[in-house]
Amino acid sequence: MIDKYFSFQYSEHPLWKEIVQKRIELRDLNYQWFIGYNLFSLVWWLELILFIAVWFIWWKLVDKSRLVEIVAYGLMVSILATIIDLAGANFVLWGYPIMPVPLMPPLFIVNVGLLPVVYMLVYQYFSSFQSFTKAVLIMAVIFAYAAEPLAVWLGIYELTNWRYSYSFPIYIALALFLKWVMTKILAK
């Protein structure tokens, strides 16, 4: 009985082998889907252009004297957004029919482009807690109730067991928590 819980032979367990086999099948299906329906589609090009454009705009607008601070905030946004996104996709709360590259997380363009850029600009331009909170509320409304429905309409994003209203507080909490983290880091 104790061997069931303390065995180091997990890789030999039949259920684990089945999981690995399903992952291989899923990888192959994702690749077929990507080559057959994603690559060079109109939406694929729109995602690529959006990714490049937001970073170009960010570079023009970012306060270069605070670059390290602002980039640190943006990296934390990107990391947490990616973790949340992967958790939601793995729990089948949402999914992404269109992917930029089959080897990356599907919403790479948003988690490493759009979200951190917008969050960094809000962080840069609204330094007081009150103005930052107001800007974050507006940003969360736009992301949850305009950008997400647009992504669904374009076929980039698919809600399975999720609603736009669930995303709204997450956008806010992410921004406020990381603003608090940055305040603590900068106070030292």
Protein backbone atom coordinates (compact mmCIF):
# COMPACT_ATOMS: atom_id res chain seq x y z
CA MET A 1 0.00 0.00 0.00
CA ILE A 2 2.74 2.46 0.92
CA ASP A 3 4.45 1.84 -2.45
CA LYS A 4 1.43 3.38 -4.17
CA TYR A 5 2.26 6.77 -2.65
CA PHE A 6 6.03 6.65 -2.37
CA SER A 7 7.03 4.92 -5.56
CA PHE A 8 9.59 6.66 -7.71
CA GLN A 9 8.42 4.71 -10.73
CA TYR A 10 5.70 7.15 -11.78
CA SER A 11 6.98 7.15 -15.34
CA GLU A 12 6.09 3.46 -15.56
CA HIS A 13 2.52 3.90 -14.33
CA PRO A 14 -0.05 3.02 -17.06
CA LEU A 15 -2.10 6.17 -16.41
CA TRP A 16 0.99 8.37 -16.83
CA LYS A 17 1.84 6.59 -20.08
CA GLU A 18 -1.70 7.26 -21.29
CA ILE A 19 -1.36 10.96 -20.37
CA VAL A 20 1.89 11.18 -22.34
CA GLN A 21 0.26 9.46 -25.32
CA LYS A 22 -2.68 11.91 -25.22
CA ARG A 23 -0.24 14.83 -25.06
CA ILE A 24 1.55 13.50 -28.15
CA GLU A 25 -1.79 13.16 -29.95
CA LEU A 26 -2.75 16.69 -28.90
CA ARG A 27 0.60 18.05 -30.09
CA ASP A 28 0.10 16.42 -33.48
CA LEU A 29 -3.49 17.71 -33.75
CA ASN A 30 -2.38 21.24 -32.79
CA TYR A 31 0.31 21.16 -35.45
CA GLN A 32 -2.16 19.96 -38.11
CA TRP A 33 -4.65 22.64 -37.03
CA PHE A 34 -1.94 25.32 -37.13
CA ILE A 35 -0.64 24.41 -40.60
CA GLY A 36 -4.07 23.80 -42.09
CA TYR A 37 -6.12 26.65 -40.64
CA ASN A 38 -4.04 29.19 -38.68
CA LEU A 39 -0.79 29.97 -40.46
CA PHE A 40 -1.06 33.04 -42.71
CA SER A 41 -4.81 33.45 -42.10
CA LEU A 42 -6.20 36.98 -41.85
CA VAL A 43 -6.50 36.73 -38.07
CA TRP A 44 -2.95 35.34 -37.81
CA TRP A 45 -1.68 38.42 -39.69
CA LEU A 46 -3.79 40.74 -37.51
CA GLU A 47 -2.27 39.20 -34.38
CA LEU A 48 1.25 39.60 -35.74
CA ILE A 49 0.66 43.23 -36.75
CA LEU A 50 -0.94 44.00 -33.37
CA PHE A 51 2.02 42.49 -31.53
CA ILE A 52 4.56 44.57 -33.46
CA ALA A 53 2.44 47.74 -33.35
CA VAL A 54 1.89 47.77 -29.58
CA TRP A 55 5.61 47.41 -28.88
CA PHE A 56 6.43 50.13 -31.41
CA ILE A 57 3.88 52.47 -29.79
CA TRP A 58 5.15 51.56 -26.33
CA TRP A 59 8.74 52.39 -27.29
CA LYS A 60 7.64 55.82 -28.55
CA LEU A 61 5.66 56.56 -25.37
CA VAL A 62 7.67 54.96 -22.56
CA ASP A 63 9.48 57.22 -20.13
CA LYS A 64 13.06 56.14 -20.85
CA SER A 65 14.27 57.57 -17.52
CA ARG A 66 12.05 55.01 -15.68
CA LEU A 67 12.61 52.20 -18.18
CA VAL A 68 13.87 49.57 -15.71
CA GLU A 69 11.01 50.21 -13.27
CA ILE A 70 8.34 50.18 -15.97
CA VAL A 71 9.75 47.08 -17.67
CA ALA A 72 9.90 45.28 -14.30
CA TYR A 73 6.20 46.03 -13.82
CA GLY A 74 5.44 44.85 -17.35
CA LEU A 75 7.40 41.62 -16.93
CA MET A 76 5.46 40.81 -13.77
CA VAL A 77 2.19 41.50 -15.63
CA SER A 78 3.30 39.21 -18.45
CA ILE A 79 4.37 36.39 -16.14
CA LEU A 80 1.19 36.45 -14.04
CA ALA A 81 -1.06 36.85 -17.09
CA THR A 82 0.61 33.84 -18.71
CA ILE A 83 0.19 31.74 -15.56
CA ILE A 84 -3.49 32.71 -15.25
CA ASP A 85 -4.01 32.10 -18.95
CA LEU A 86 -2.39 28.67 -18.93
CA ALA A 87 -4.39 27.67 -15.85
CA GLY A 88 -7.65 28.77 -17.48
CA ALA A 89 -6.87 27.00 -20.73
CA ASN A 90 -5.74 23.82 -18.95
CA PHE A 91 -8.94 23.76 -16.87
CA VAL A 92 -10.89 24.26 -20.12
CA LEU A 93 -12.41 27.55 -18.97
CA TRP A 94 -11.44 29.11 -22.29
CA GLY A 95 -9.43 28.25 -25.37
CA TYR A 96 -7.70 29.73 -28.39
CA PRO A 97 -8.54 28.37 -31.84
CA ILE A 98 -5.93 30.68 -33.46
CA MET A 99 -2.32 30.40 -32.33
CA PRO A 100 0.70 32.40 -33.54
CA VAL A 101 3.09 29.44 -33.39
CA PRO A 102 2.20 25.89 -32.30
CA LEU A 103 5.08 25.76 -29.79
CA MET A 104 4.01 28.80 -27.75
CA PRO A 105 1.09 29.34 -25.44
CA PRO A 106 -1.79 30.37 -27.72
CA LEU A 107 -2.33 33.84 -26.35
CA PHE A 108 1.38 34.68 -26.35
CA ILE A 109 0.70 37.81 -28.39
CA VAL A 110 -1.65 39.19 -25.73
CA ASN A 111 0.27 37.99 -22.66
CA VAL A 112 3.62 39.25 -23.95
CA GLY A 113 2.35 42.14 -26.07
CA LEU A 114 -0.95 43.88 -25.55
CA LEU A 115 -1.53 43.31 -21.81
CA PRO A 116 1.91 44.28 -20.49
CA VAL A 117 2.14 47.27 -22.84
CA VAL A 118 -1.22 48.69 -21.78
CA TYR A 119 -0.55 47.95 -18.11
CA MET A 120 2.91 49.60 -18.34
CA LEU A 121 1.46 52.73 -19.94
CA VAL A 122 -1.23 52.97 -17.25
CA TYR A 123 1.47 52.44 -14.61
CA GLN A 124 3.64 55.15 -16.17
CA TYR A 125 0.98 57.82 -16.70
CA PHE A 126 -1.07 57.37 -13.51
CA SER A 127 1.28 57.47 -10.54
CA SER A 128 -1.08 58.34 -7.69
CA PHE A 129 -3.10 55.45 -6.29
CA GLN A 130 -6.41 57.21 -6.96
CA SER A 131 -5.69 58.07 -10.61
CA PHE A 132 -4.11 54.64 -11.17
CA THR A 133 -7.20 52.88 -9.78
CA LYS A 134 -9.55 54.92 -12.00
CA ALA A 135 -7.43 54.20 -15.07
CA VAL A 136 -7.28 50.49 -14.19
CA LEU A 137 -11.08 50.37 -13.85
CA ILE A 138 -11.48 51.88 -17.32
CA MET A 139 -8.85 49.52 -18.72
CA ALA A 140 -10.57 46.50 -17.14
CA VAL A 141 -13.93 47.51 -18.63
CA ILE A 142 -12.34 47.84 -22.07
CA PHE A 143 -10.50 44.51 -21.83
CA ALA A 144 -13.37 42.50 -20.31
CA TYR A 145 -16.32 43.96 -22.20
CA ALA A 146 -14.84 45.15 -25.51
CA ALA A 147 -11.53 43.38 -26.25
CA GLU A 148 -12.60 39.91 -25.12
CA PRO A 149 -15.91 39.96 -27.06
CA LEU A 150 -13.99 41.22 -30.12
CA ALA A 151 -11.51 38.35 -29.74
CA VAL A 152 -14.43 35.90 -29.54
CA TRP A 153 -16.01 37.45 -32.64
CA LEU A 154 -12.69 37.16 -34.53
CA GLY A 155 -12.38 33.52 -33.49
CA ILE A 156 -9.19 34.11 -31.49
CA TYR A 157 -10.74 33.39 -28.10
CA GLU A 158 -13.40 30.88 -27.12
CA LEU A 159 -15.28 30.84 -23.81
CA THR A 160 -16.05 27.35 -22.55
CA ASN A 161 -16.84 27.73 -18.84
CA TRP A 162 -16.12 31.43 -18.44
CA ARG A 163 -17.89 34.79 -18.67
CA TYR A 164 -16.49 38.21 -19.48
CA SER A 165 -17.57 39.45 -16.06
CA TYR A 166 -15.21 36.92 -14.42
CA SER A 167 -12.25 38.55 -16.18
CA PHE A 168 -13.11 42.07 -15.01
CA PRO A 169 -11.94 41.71 -11.37
CA ILE A 170 -8.87 39.75 -12.46
CA TYR A 171 -7.66 42.62 -14.65
CA ILE A 172 -8.13 44.98 -11.70
CA ALA A 173 -6.55 42.72 -9.08
CA LEU A 174 -3.53 42.06 -11.29
CA ALA A 175 -2.84 45.77 -11.78
CA LEU A 176 -3.40 46.77 -8.15
CA PHE A 177 -1.42 43.87 -6.71
CA LEU A 178 1.58 44.55 -8.95
CA LYS A 179 1.39 48.30 -8.23
CA TRP A 180 1.59 47.38 -4.54
CA VAL A 181 4.55 45.06 -5.23
CA MET A 182 6.36 47.81 -7.14
CA THR A 183 5.70 50.28 -4.31
CA LYS A 184 7.31 47.85 -1.84
CA ILE A 185 10.27 47.19 -4.14
CA LEU A 186 10.91 50.89 -4.79
CA ALA A 187 10.61 51.75 -1.07
CA LYS A 188 13.69 49.64 -0.27
